[in-house]
Amino acid sequence: MEAATARAMFASLGFVPAGEVRKERTRFQLEWQGRAFVVVLDKVANLGEYVEVETIAAEHELETARSAALGLAEQLGLSGGERRSYLQLILDRASGAAVE
């Protein structure tokens, strides 16, 4: 579905845009500690640069996967974490809330 068609459909249902997120994404795949990972570098307009580290795990291996993801993030020199979406960060910045 094209963007214009999607916008028209949402508008016809009464939705209004909450904001807009524009980003450039570079995606990498790698093996780390025996797990497949995807690491993405996002450059988000009017917000900054972010890195996401992702893997897929069954429920019984969640702690092992989390530990491996944190280890990979540390190996990459990443610190801190952000749970808010890019849209929420943009809205928070617009309202004057802290965005690091």
PDB file of N, CA and C in Angstrom:
ATOM      1  N   MET A   1       0.854  -1.173   0.000  1.00  0.00           N
ATOM      2  CA  MET A   1       0.000   0.000   0.000  1.00  0.00           C
ATOM      3  C   MET A   1       0.900   1.237   0.000  1.00  0.00           C
ATOM      4  N   GLU A   2       0.578   2.181  -0.834  1.00  0.00           N
ATOM      5  CA  GLU A   2       1.342   3.418  -0.902  1.00  0.00           C
ATOM      6  C   GLU A   2       0.987   4.335   0.262  1.00  0.00           C
ATOM      7  N   ALA A   3       1.917   5.207   0.617  1.00  0.00           N
ATOM      8  CA  ALA A   3       1.735   6.090   1.772  1.00  0.00           C
ATOM      9  C   ALA A   3       0.488   6.955   1.640  1.00  0.00           C
ATOM     10  N   ALA A   4       0.251   7.514   0.468  1.00  0.00           N
ATOM     11  CA  ALA A   4      -0.914   8.391   0.280  1.00  0.00           C
ATOM     12  C   ALA A   4      -2.217   7.618   0.486  1.00  0.00           C
ATOM     13  N   THR A   5      -2.249   6.387   0.024  1.00  0.00           N
ATOM     14  CA  THR A   5      -3.442   5.554   0.196  1.00  0.00           C
ATOM     15  C   THR A   5      -3.655   5.235   1.673  1.00  0.00           C
ATOM     16  N   ALA A   6      -2.565   4.904   2.360  1.00  0.00           N
ATOM     17  CA  ALA A   6      -2.658   4.599   3.795  1.00  0.00           C
ATOM     18  C   ALA A   6      -3.137   5.821   4.569  1.00  0.00           C
ATOM     19  N   ARG A   7      -2.581   7.007   4.264  1.00  0.00           N
ATOM     20  CA  ARG A   7      -3.009   8.233   4.949  1.00  0.00           C
ATOM     21  C   ARG A   7      -4.501   8.484   4.743  1.00  0.00           C
ATOM     22  N   ALA A   8      -4.961   8.320   3.515  1.00  0.00           N
ATOM     23  CA  ALA A   8      -6.381   8.535   3.205  1.00  0.00           C
ATOM     24  C   ALA A   8      -7.257   7.543   3.961  1.00  0.00           C
ATOM     25  N   MET A   9      -6.833   6.293   4.022  1.00  0.00           N
ATOM     26  CA  MET A   9      -7.596   5.276   4.738  1.00  0.00           C
ATOM     27  C   MET A   9      -7.697   5.624   6.223  1.00  0.00           C
ATOM     28  N   PHE A  10      -6.561   5.972   6.846  1.00  0.00           N
ATOM     29  CA  PHE A  10      -6.579   6.326   8.268  1.00  0.00           C
ATOM     30  C   PHE A  10      -7.437   7.561   8.523  1.00  0.00           C
ATOM     31  N   ALA A  11      -7.332   8.567   7.648  1.00  0.00           N
ATOM     32  CA  ALA A  11      -8.135   9.784   7.800  1.00  0.00           C
ATOM     33  C   ALA A  11      -9.628   9.463   7.711  1.00  0.00           C
ATOM     34  N   SER A  12      -9.999   8.553   6.803  1.00  0.00           N
ATOM     35  CA  SER A  12     -11.408   8.185   6.656  1.00  0.00           C
ATOM     36  C   SER A  12     -11.947   7.477   7.894  1.00  0.00           C
ATOM     37  N   LEU A  13     -11.042   6.897   8.676  1.00  0.00           N
ATOM     38  CA  LEU A  13     -11.440   6.217   9.917  1.00  0.00           C
ATOM     39  C   LEU A  13     -11.377   7.146  11.126  1.00  0.00           C
ATOM     40  N   GLY A  14     -10.986   8.411  10.892  1.00  0.00           N
ATOM     41  CA  GLY A  14     -10.960   9.383  11.971  1.00  0.00           C
ATOM     42  C   GLY A  14      -9.614   9.557  12.648  1.00  0.00           C
ATOM     43  N   PHE A  15      -8.581   8.882  12.155  1.00  0.00           N
ATOM     44  CA  PHE A  15      -7.253   9.036  12.733  1.00  0.00           C
ATOM     45  C   PHE A  15      -6.636  10.358  12.298  1.00  0.00           C
ATOM     46  N   VAL A  16      -5.846  10.950  13.178  1.00  0.00           N
ATOM     47  CA  VAL A  16      -5.079  12.148  12.841  1.00  0.00           C
ATOM     48  C   VAL A  16      -3.614  11.857  13.153  1.00  0.00           C
ATOM     49  N   PRO A  17      -2.698  12.426  12.377  1.00  0.00           N
ATOM     50  CA  PRO A  17      -1.274  12.167  12.631  1.00  0.00           C
ATOM     51  C   PRO A  17      -0.849  12.662  14.017  1.00  0.00           C
ATOM     52  N   ALA A  18      -0.104  11.836  14.734  1.00  0.00           N
ATOM     53  CA  ALA A  18       0.427  12.220  16.051  1.00  0.00           C
ATOM     54  C   ALA A  18       1.789  12.864  15.898  1.00  0.00           C
ATOM     55  N   GLY A  19       2.457  12.592  14.802  1.00  0.00           N
ATOM     56  CA  GLY A  19       3.791  13.107  14.553  1.00  0.00           C
ATOM     57  C   GLY A  19       4.390  12.359  13.388  1.00  0.00           C
ATOM     58  N   GLU A  20       5.613  12.723  13.060  1.00  0.00           N
ATOM     59  CA  GLU A  20       6.276  12.077  11.935  1.00  0.00           C
ATOM     60  C   GLU A  20       7.697  11.716  12.342  1.00  0.00           C
ATOM     61  N   VAL A  21       8.115  10.514  11.984  1.00  0.00           N
ATOM     62  CA  VAL A  21       9.472  10.049  12.249  1.00  0.00           C
ATOM     63  C   VAL A  21      10.140   9.802  10.900  1.00  0.00           C
ATOM     64  N   ARG A  22      11.251  10.476  10.679  1.00  0.00           N
ATOM     65  CA  ARG A  22      12.044  10.253   9.462  1.00  0.00           C
ATOM     66  C   ARG A  22      13.398   9.739   9.897  1.00  0.00           C
ATOM     67  N   LYS A  23      13.786   8.609   9.301  1.00  0.00           N
ATOM     68  CA  LYS A  23      15.072   8.037   9.698  1.00  0.00           C
ATOM     69  C   LYS A  23      15.738   7.350   8.524  1.00  0.00           C
ATOM     70  N   GLU A  24      17.057   7.257   8.647  1.00  0.00           N
ATOM     71  CA  GLU A  24      17.861   6.454   7.737  1.00  0.00           C
ATOM     72  C   GLU A  24      18.358   5.276   8.560  1.00  0.00           C
ATOM     73  N   ARG A  25      18.233   4.076   8.021  1.00  0.00           N
ATOM     74  CA  ARG A  25      18.600   2.867   8.774  1.00  0.00           C
ATOM     75  C   ARG A  25      19.636   2.065   8.005  1.00  0.00           C
ATOM     76  N   THR A  26      20.667   1.650   8.728  1.00  0.00           N
ATOM     77  CA  THR A  26      21.667   0.729   8.204  1.00  0.00           C
ATOM     78  C   THR A  26      21.601  -0.521   9.064  1.00  0.00           C
ATOM     79  N   ARG A  27      21.499  -1.673   8.429  1.00  0.00           N
ATOM     80  CA  ARG A  27      21.270  -2.941   9.131  1.00  0.00           C
ATOM     81  C   ARG A  27      22.466  -3.866   8.958  1.00  0.00           C
ATOM     82  N   PHE A  28      22.880  -4.486  10.072  1.00  0.00           N
ATOM     83  CA  PHE A  28      23.984  -5.443  10.072  1.00  0.00           C
ATOM     84  C   PHE A  28      23.512  -6.740  10.720  1.00  0.00           C
ATOM     85  N   GLN A  29      24.036  -7.864  10.239  1.00  0.00           N
ATOM     86  CA  GLN A  29      23.758  -9.163  10.852  1.00  0.00           C
ATOM     87  C   GLN A  29      25.082  -9.763  11.298  1.00  0.00           C
ATOM     88  N   LEU A  30      25.076 -10.409  12.466  1.00  0.00           N
ATOM     89  CA  LEU A  30      26.280 -11.061  12.942  1.00  0.00           C
ATOM     90  C   LEU A  30      25.940 -12.158  13.935  1.00  0.00           C
ATOM     91  N   GLU A  31      26.910 -13.028  14.147  1.00  0.00           N
ATOM     92  CA  GLU A  31      26.819 -14.064  15.173  1.00  0.00           C
ATOM     93  C   GLU A  31      27.616 -13.589  16.375  1.00  0.00           C
ATOM     94  N   TRP A  32      27.053 -13.737  17.569  1.00  0.00           N
ATOM     95  CA  TRP A  32      27.732 -13.333  18.800  1.00  0.00           C
ATOM     96  C   TRP A  32      27.356 -14.333  19.877  1.00  0.00           C
ATOM     97  N   GLN A  33      28.357 -14.960  20.485  1.00  0.00           N
ATOM     98  CA  GLN A  33      28.134 -15.962  21.536  1.00  0.00           C
ATOM     99  C   GLN A  33      27.124 -17.030  21.086  1.00  0.00           C
ATOM    100  N   GLY A  34      27.260 -17.445  19.831  1.00  0.00           N
ATOM    101  CA  GLY A  34      26.424 -18.512  19.305  1.00  0.00           C
ATOM    102  C   GLY A  34      25.003 -18.112  18.950  1.00  0.00           C
ATOM    103  N   ARG A  35      24.718 -16.808  18.943  1.00  0.00           N
ATOM    104  CA  ARG A  35      23.370 -16.329  18.636  1.00  0.00           C
ATOM    105  C   ARG A  35      23.412 -15.440  17.407  1.00  0.00           C
ATOM    106  N   ALA A  36      22.352 -15.443  16.647  1.00  0.00           N
ATOM    107  CA  ALA A  36      22.222 -14.528  15.503  1.00  0.00           C
ATOM    108  C   ALA A  36      21.681 -13.199  16.018  1.00  0.00           C
ATOM    109  N   PHE A  37      22.349 -12.118  15.658  1.00  0.00           N
ATOM    110  CA  PHE A  37      21.933 -10.776  16.053  1.00  0.00           C
ATOM    111  C   PHE A  37      21.753  -9.896  14.833  1.00  0.00           C
ATOM    112  N   VAL A  38      20.880  -8.930  14.980  1.00  0.00           N
ATOM    113  CA  VAL A  38      20.740  -7.832  14.036  1.00  0.00           C
ATOM    114  C   VAL A  38      21.070  -6.570  14.828  1.00  0.00           C
ATOM    115  N   VAL A  39      21.963  -5.771  14.272  1.00  0.00           N
ATOM    116  CA  VAL A  39      22.314  -4.478  14.861  1.00  0.00           C
ATOM    117  C   VAL A  39      21.956  -3.426  13.824  1.00  0.00           C
ATOM    118  N   VAL A  40      21.138  -2.461  14.216  1.00  0.00           N
ATOM    119  CA  VAL A  40      20.748  -1.413  13.289  1.00  0.00           C
ATOM    120  C   VAL A  40      21.230  -0.062  13.798  1.00  0.00           C
ATOM    121  N   LEU A  41      21.702   0.748  12.865  1.00  0.00           N
ATOM    122  CA  LEU A  41      22.104   2.113  13.156  1.00  0.00           C
ATOM    123  C   LEU A  41      21.051   3.018  12.545  1.00  0.00           C
ATOM    124  N   ASP A  42      20.399   3.815  13.381  1.00  0.00           N
ATOM    125  CA  ASP A  42      19.354   4.721  12.922  1.00  0.00           C
ATOM    126  C   ASP A  42      19.802   6.162  13.096  1.00  0.00           C
ATOM    127  N   LYS A  43      19.679   6.942  12.047  1.00  0.00           N
ATOM    128  CA  LYS A  43      19.885   8.384  12.109  1.00  0.00           C
ATOM    129  C   LYS A  43      18.498   8.993  11.989  1.00  0.00           C
ATOM    130  N   VAL A  44      17.990   9.533  13.100  1.00  0.00           N
ATOM    131  CA  VAL A  44      16.616  10.022  13.168  1.00  0.00           C
ATOM    132  C   VAL A  44      16.625  11.546  13.050  1.00  0.00           C
ATOM    133  N   ALA A  45      15.913  12.054  12.053  1.00  0.00           N
ATOM    134  CA  ALA A  45      15.859  13.499  11.817  1.00  0.00           C
ATOM    135  C   ALA A  45      15.389  14.231  13.065  1.00  0.00           C
ATOM    136  N   ASN A  46      16.065  15.307  13.401  1.00  0.00           N
ATOM    137  CA  ASN A  46      15.731  16.166  14.543  1.00  0.00           C
ATOM    138  C   ASN A  46      15.817  15.453  15.889  1.00  0.00           C
ATOM    139  N   LEU A  47      16.532  14.328  15.926  1.00  0.00           N
ATOM    140  CA  LEU A  47      16.638  13.591  17.185  1.00  0.00           C
ATOM    141  C   LEU A  47      18.059  13.113  17.442  1.00  0.00           C
ATOM    142  N   GLY A  48      18.677  12.466  16.462  1.00  0.00           N
ATOM    143  CA  GLY A  48      20.043  11.998  16.657  1.00  0.00           C
ATOM    144  C   GLY A  48      20.242  10.600  16.113  1.00  0.00           C
ATOM    145  N   GLU A  49      21.304   9.964  16.595  1.00  0.00           N
ATOM    146  CA  GLU A  49      21.666   8.625  16.134  1.00  0.00           C
ATOM    147  C   GLU A  49      21.451   7.615  17.250  1.00  0.00           C
ATOM    148  N   TYR A  50      20.926   6.460  16.871  1.00  0.00           N
ATOM    149  CA  TYR A  50      20.606   5.400  17.817  1.00  0.00           C
ATOM    150  C   TYR A  50      21.047   4.064  17.265  1.00  0.00           C
ATOM    151  N   VAL A  51      21.292   3.117  18.164  1.00  0.00           N
ATOM    152  CA  VAL A  51      21.669   1.760  17.792  1.00  0.00           C
ATOM    153  C   VAL A  51      20.686   0.810  18.461  1.00  0.00           C
ATOM    154  N   GLU A  52      20.207  -0.162  17.719  1.00  0.00           N
ATOM    155  CA  GLU A  52      19.352  -1.212  18.276  1.00  0.00           C
ATOM    156  C   GLU A  52      20.065  -2.547  18.110  1.00  0.00           C
ATOM    157  N   VAL A  53      20.061  -3.344  19.169  1.00  0.00           N
ATOM    158  CA  VAL A  53      20.654  -4.685  19.158  1.00  0.00           C
ATOM    159  C   VAL A  53      19.513  -5.661  19.394  1.00  0.00           C
ATOM    160  N   GLU A  54      19.310  -6.591  18.450  1.00  0.00           N
ATOM    161  CA  GLU A  54      18.158  -7.484  18.523  1.00  0.00           C
ATOM    162  C   GLU A  54      18.554  -8.926  18.252  1.00  0.00           C
ATOM    163  N   THR A  55      17.869  -9.826  18.937  1.00  0.00           N
ATOM    164  CA  THR A  55      17.980 -11.253  18.667  1.00  0.00           C
ATOM    165  C   THR A  55      16.612 -11.873  18.943  1.00  0.00           C
ATOM    166  N   ILE A  56      16.411 -13.066  18.453  1.00  0.00           N
ATOM    167  CA  ILE A  56      15.156 -13.793  18.692  1.00  0.00           C
ATOM    168  C   ILE A  56      15.471 -14.946  19.634  1.00  0.00           C
ATOM    169  N   ALA A  57      14.600 -15.134  20.626  1.00  0.00           N
ATOM    170  CA  ALA A  57      14.832 -16.199  21.600  1.00  0.00           C
ATOM    171  C   ALA A  57      13.511 -16.832  22.014  1.00  0.00           C
ATOM    172  N   ALA A  58      13.573 -18.115  22.283  1.00  0.00           N
ATOM    173  CA  ALA A  58      12.425 -18.815  22.862  1.00  0.00           C
ATOM    174  C   ALA A  58      12.291 -18.362  24.313  1.00  0.00           C
ATOM    175  N   GLU A  59      11.114 -18.526  24.869  1.00  0.00           N
ATOM    176  CA  GLU A  59      10.852 -18.062  26.232  1.00  0.00           C
ATOM    177  C   GLU A  59      11.852 -18.614  27.245  1.00  0.00           C
ATOM    178  N   HIS A  60      12.228 -19.881  27.097  1.00  0.00           N
ATOM    179  CA  HIS A  60      13.129 -20.488  28.075  1.00  0.00           C
ATOM    180  C   HIS A  60      14.573 -19.987  27.954  1.00  0.00           C
ATOM    181  N   GLU A  61      14.903 -19.242  26.900  1.00  0.00           N
ATOM    182  CA  GLU A  61      16.262 -18.717  26.750  1.00  0.00           C
ATOM    183  C   GLU A  61      16.329 -17.194  26.824  1.00  0.00           C
ATOM    184  N   LEU A  62      15.290 -16.565  27.361  1.00  0.00           N
ATOM    185  CA  LEU A  62      15.250 -15.113  27.406  1.00  0.00           C
ATOM    186  C   LEU A  62      16.412 -14.508  28.199  1.00  0.00           C
ATOM    187  N   GLU A  63      16.710 -15.061  29.355  1.00  0.00           N
ATOM    188  CA  GLU A  63      17.794 -14.506  30.169  1.00  0.00           C
ATOM    189  C   GLU A  63      19.149 -14.649  29.482  1.00  0.00           C
ATOM    190  N   THR A  64      19.379 -15.791  28.849  1.00  0.00           N
ATOM    191  CA  THR A  64      20.631 -16.003  28.116  1.00  0.00           C
ATOM    192  C   THR A  64      20.738 -15.028  26.946  1.00  0.00           C
ATOM    193  N   ALA A  65      19.632 -14.845  26.225  1.00  0.00           N
ATOM    194  CA  ALA A  65      19.620 -13.926  25.087  1.00  0.00           C
ATOM    195  C   ALA A  65      19.825 -12.491  25.547  1.00  0.00           C
ATOM    196  N   ARG A  66      19.192 -12.114  26.633  1.00  0.00           N
ATOM    197  CA  ARG A  66      19.342 -10.750  27.173  1.00  0.00           C
ATOM    198  C   ARG A  66      20.786 -10.508  27.589  1.00  0.00           C
ATOM    199  N   SER A  67      21.365 -11.470  28.256  1.00  0.00           N
ATOM    200  CA  SER A  67      22.760 -11.350  28.684  1.00  0.00           C
ATOM    201  C   SER A  67      23.695 -11.211  27.479  1.00  0.00           C
ATOM    202  N   ALA A  68      23.449 -12.002  26.443  1.00  0.00           N
ATOM    203  CA  ALA A  68      24.276 -11.924  25.238  1.00  0.00           C
ATOM    204  C   ALA A  68      24.103 -10.571  24.554  1.00  0.00           C
ATOM    205  N   ALA A  69      22.878 -10.067  24.495  1.00  0.00           N
ATOM    206  CA  ALA A  69      22.621  -8.763  23.866  1.00  0.00           C
ATOM    207  C   ALA A  69      23.327  -7.647  24.629  1.00  0.00           C
ATOM    208  N   LEU A  70      23.259  -7.697  25.949  1.00  0.00           N
ATOM    209  CA  LEU A  70      23.948  -6.683  26.757  1.00  0.00           C
ATOM    210  C   LEU A  70      25.463  -6.790  26.597  1.00  0.00           C
ATOM    211  N   GLY A  71      25.972  -8.016  26.486  1.00  0.00           N
ATOM    212  CA  GLY A  71      27.400  -8.215  26.259  1.00  0.00           C
ATOM    213  C   GLY A  71      27.842  -7.660  24.919  1.00  0.00           C
ATOM    214  N   LEU A  72      27.044  -7.879  23.898  1.00  0.00           N
ATOM    215  CA  LEU A  72      27.354  -7.341  22.581  1.00  0.00           C
ATOM    216  C   LEU A  72      27.312  -5.815  22.606  1.00  0.00           C
ATOM    217  N   ALA A  73      26.304  -5.250  23.258  1.00  0.00           N
ATOM    218  CA  ALA A  73      26.206  -3.792  23.363  1.00  0.00           C
ATOM    219  C   ALA A  73      27.438  -3.226  24.064  1.00  0.00           C
ATOM    220  N   GLU A  74      27.872  -3.890  25.120  1.00  0.00           N
ATOM    221  CA  GLU A  74      29.071  -3.442  25.839  1.00  0.00           C
ATOM    222  C   GLU A  74      30.302  -3.539  24.942  1.00  0.00           C
ATOM    223  N   GLN A  75      30.437  -4.640  24.206  1.00  0.00           N
ATOM    224  CA  GLN A  75      31.561  -4.832  23.291  1.00  0.00           C
ATOM    225  C   GLN A  75      31.581  -3.733  22.216  1.00  0.00           C
ATOM    226  N   LEU A  76      30.405  -3.259  21.813  1.00  0.00           N
ATOM    227  CA  LEU A  76      30.293  -2.202  20.808  1.00  0.00           C
ATOM    228  C   LEU A  76      30.497  -0.805  21.406  1.00  0.00           C
ATOM    229  N   GLY A  77      30.664  -0.742  22.731  1.00  0.00           N
ATOM    230  CA  GLY A  77      30.868   0.550  23.382  1.00  0.00           C
ATOM    231  C   GLY A  77      29.594   1.312  23.644  1.00  0.00           C
ATOM    232  N   LEU A  78      28.478   0.612  23.651  1.00  0.00           N
ATOM    233  CA  LEU A  78      27.187   1.260  23.888  1.00  0.00           C
ATOM    234  C   LEU A  78      26.889   1.268  25.379  1.00  0.00           C
ATOM    235  N   SER A  79      26.269   2.328  25.846  1.00  0.00           N
ATOM    236  CA  SER A  79      25.878   2.399  27.252  1.00  0.00           C
ATOM    237  C   SER A  79      24.501   3.043  27.344  1.00  0.00           C
ATOM    238  N   GLY A  80      23.853   2.810  28.441  1.00  0.00           N
ATOM    239  CA  GLY A  80      22.514   3.350  28.624  1.00  0.00           C
ATOM    240  C   GLY A  80      21.528   2.612  27.748  1.00  0.00           C
ATOM    241  N   GLY A  81      20.300   2.944  27.901  1.00  0.00           N
ATOM    242  CA  GLY A  81      19.259   2.320  27.092  1.00  0.00           C
ATOM    243  C   GLY A  81      18.092   3.272  26.980  1.00  0.00           C
ATOM    244  N   GLU A  82      17.296   3.076  25.989  1.00  0.00           N
ATOM    245  CA  GLU A  82      16.130   3.935  25.778  1.00  0.00           C
ATOM    246  C   GLU A  82      14.951   3.060  25.408  1.00  0.00           C
ATOM    247  N   ARG A  83      13.905   3.117  26.208  1.00  0.00           N
ATOM    248  CA  ARG A  83      12.727   2.283  25.979  1.00  0.00           C
ATOM    249  C   ARG A  83      11.650   3.020  25.171  1.00  0.00           C
ATOM    250  N   ARG A  84      11.744   4.339  25.083  1.00  0.00           N
ATOM    251  CA  ARG A  84      10.722   5.102  24.354  1.00  0.00           C
ATOM    252  C   ARG A  84      10.916   4.948  22.847  1.00  0.00           C
ATOM    253  N   SER A  85       9.814   5.010  22.127  1.00  0.00           N
ATOM    254  CA  SER A  85       9.863   4.972  20.664  1.00  0.00           C
ATOM    255  C   SER A  85      10.431   6.284  20.144  1.00  0.00           C
ATOM    256  N   TYR A  86      10.852   6.279  18.888  1.00  0.00           N
ATOM    257  CA  TYR A  86      11.334   7.520  18.285  1.00  0.00           C
ATOM    258  C   TYR A  86      10.237   8.583  18.301  1.00  0.00           C
ATOM    259  N   LEU A  87       9.009   8.188  18.009  1.00  0.00           N
ATOM    260  CA  LEU A  87       7.912   9.148  18.025  1.00  0.00           C
ATOM    261  C   LEU A  87       7.754   9.747  19.418  1.00  0.00           C
ATOM    262  N   GLN A  88       7.804   8.916  20.450  1.00  0.00           N
ATOM    263  CA  GLN A  88       7.656   9.434  21.811  1.00  0.00           C
ATOM    264  C   GLN A  88       8.799  10.377  22.158  1.00  0.00           C
ATOM    265  N   LEU A  89      10.020  10.051  21.741  1.00  0.00           N
ATOM    266  CA  LEU A  89      11.160  10.941  21.980  1.00  0.00           C
ATOM    267  C   LEU A  89      10.958  12.287  21.292  1.00  0.00           C
ATOM    268  N   ILE A  90      10.471  12.263  20.053  1.00  0.00           N
ATOM    269  CA  ILE A  90      10.229  13.503  19.315  1.00  0.00           C
ATOM    270  C   ILE A  90       9.141  14.329  19.998  1.00  0.00           C
ATOM    271  N   LEU A  91       8.053  13.678  20.417  1.00  0.00           N
ATOM    272  CA  LEU A  91       6.980  14.388  21.111  1.00  0.00           C
ATOM    273  C   LEU A  91       7.456  14.940  22.443  1.00  0.00           C
ATOM    274  N   ASP A  92       8.265  14.166  23.168  1.00  0.00           N
ATOM    275  CA  ASP A  92       8.810  14.636  24.448  1.00  0.00           C
ATOM    276  C   ASP A  92       9.707  15.858  24.240  1.00  0.00           C
ATOM    277  N   ARG A  93      10.557  15.800  23.228  1.00  0.00           N
ATOM    278  CA  ARG A  93      11.435  16.943  22.940  1.00  0.00           C
ATOM    279  C   ARG A  93      10.596  18.180  22.626  1.00  0.00           C
ATOM    280  N   ALA A  94       9.535  18.013  21.844  1.00  0.00           N
ATOM    281  CA  ALA A  94       8.678  19.145  21.478  1.00  0.00           C
ATOM    282  C   ALA A  94       7.987  19.755  22.699  1.00  0.00           C
ATOM    283  N   SER A  95       7.717  18.921  23.715  1.00  0.00           N
ATOM    284  CA  SER A  95       7.039  19.407  24.912  1.00  0.00           C
ATOM    285  C   SER A  95       8.019  19.927  25.957  1.00  0.00           C
ATOM    286  N   GLY A  96       9.322  19.803  25.676  1.00  0.00           N
ATOM    287  CA  GLY A  96      10.320  20.309  26.617  1.00  0.00           C
ATOM    288  C   GLY A  96      10.819  19.264  27.597  1.00  0.00           C
ATOM    289  N   ALA A  97      10.366  18.008  27.481  1.00  0.00           N
ATOM    290  CA  ALA A  97      10.825  16.934  28.359  1.00  0.00           C
ATOM    291  C   ALA A  97      12.257  16.547  27.999  1.00  0.00           C
ATOM    292  N   ALA A  98      12.949  15.960  28.951  1.00  0.00           N
ATOM    293  CA  ALA A  98      14.351  15.562  28.728  1.00  0.00           C
ATOM    294  C   ALA A  98      14.456  14.423  27.722  1.00  0.00           C
ATOM    295  N   VAL A  99      15.343  14.598  26.760  1.00  0.00           N
ATOM    296  CA  VAL A  99      15.660  13.562  25.780  1.00  0.00           C
ATOM    297  C   VAL A  99      17.172  13.522  25.696  1.00  0.00           C
ATOM    298  N   GLU A 100      17.760  12.385  26.098  1.00  0.00           N
ATOM    299  CA  GLU A 100      19.224  12.271  26.062  1.00  0.00           C
ATOM    300  C   GLU A 100      19.681  11.509  24.866  1.00  0.00           C
TER     301      GLU A 100
END
